[in-house]
Amino acid sequence: MISTLDFENACPGSTVPAEARFRVWVDAAVGATASLQQPGRPVNISIRVVDEQESAELNLGYRGKNYPTNVLSFSSDVPPTIAALLEEWPLGDLVICAPVVAREAQEQGKVAEHHWAHMVIHGVLHLSGLDHQEDQEAEHMESLETQILATLGIADPYQEDPISTSLSANPKEDRR
């Protein structure tokens, strides 16, 4: 599946992977969810990397939660009749908070770039219609994330190890 990425880093000074890495992660996730996309149509995803203030404002405005979060996904609200006329299917937008991702990676003992990859893939799966509100949905979504990450040579982010289990941060925590 062909995908295009509109990328903006609105958090200069933070350690953010190169845009080319985001393209690899988006392509991997879109390819794995091709059956959920419009058949044969390229998709477009926008990613904006933000600071904690912007993340918190968006999280409060859209989810009613007054704190910054790692990734927010906004599925496209373009009517299907209009989207059908476009060259690319507008899948939606991801907003990723650089300081939260960096902090989580450190707290969970993960390679920062691997955690970035996980957040992008997690977000794309949401844009593709997957969710983790119920246990069965969460298991399916986590399994798919793990499979996609494995194709990129990245270990299972949900695998418990002595480092991550001794910390209070839990990658499964934000199922709400």
Foldseek 3Di string as FASTA:
>chain_A
DAEEEAEEEPPPPFDDDDPVLLRVLLVLLCVLLVVLDDPPAYAYEYEYEAAWVVQQVVCCVPVVDRGHDAKDWDADPDPPVVLVPDRHRYLTYMYGYRVRLVVLCVQQVHDSSLSVSLRSSLRSVVSSPQAQLDPVSVVVSLVSSQVSSVVVVHHRSQDDDPRRVVGPDHPVPPRD
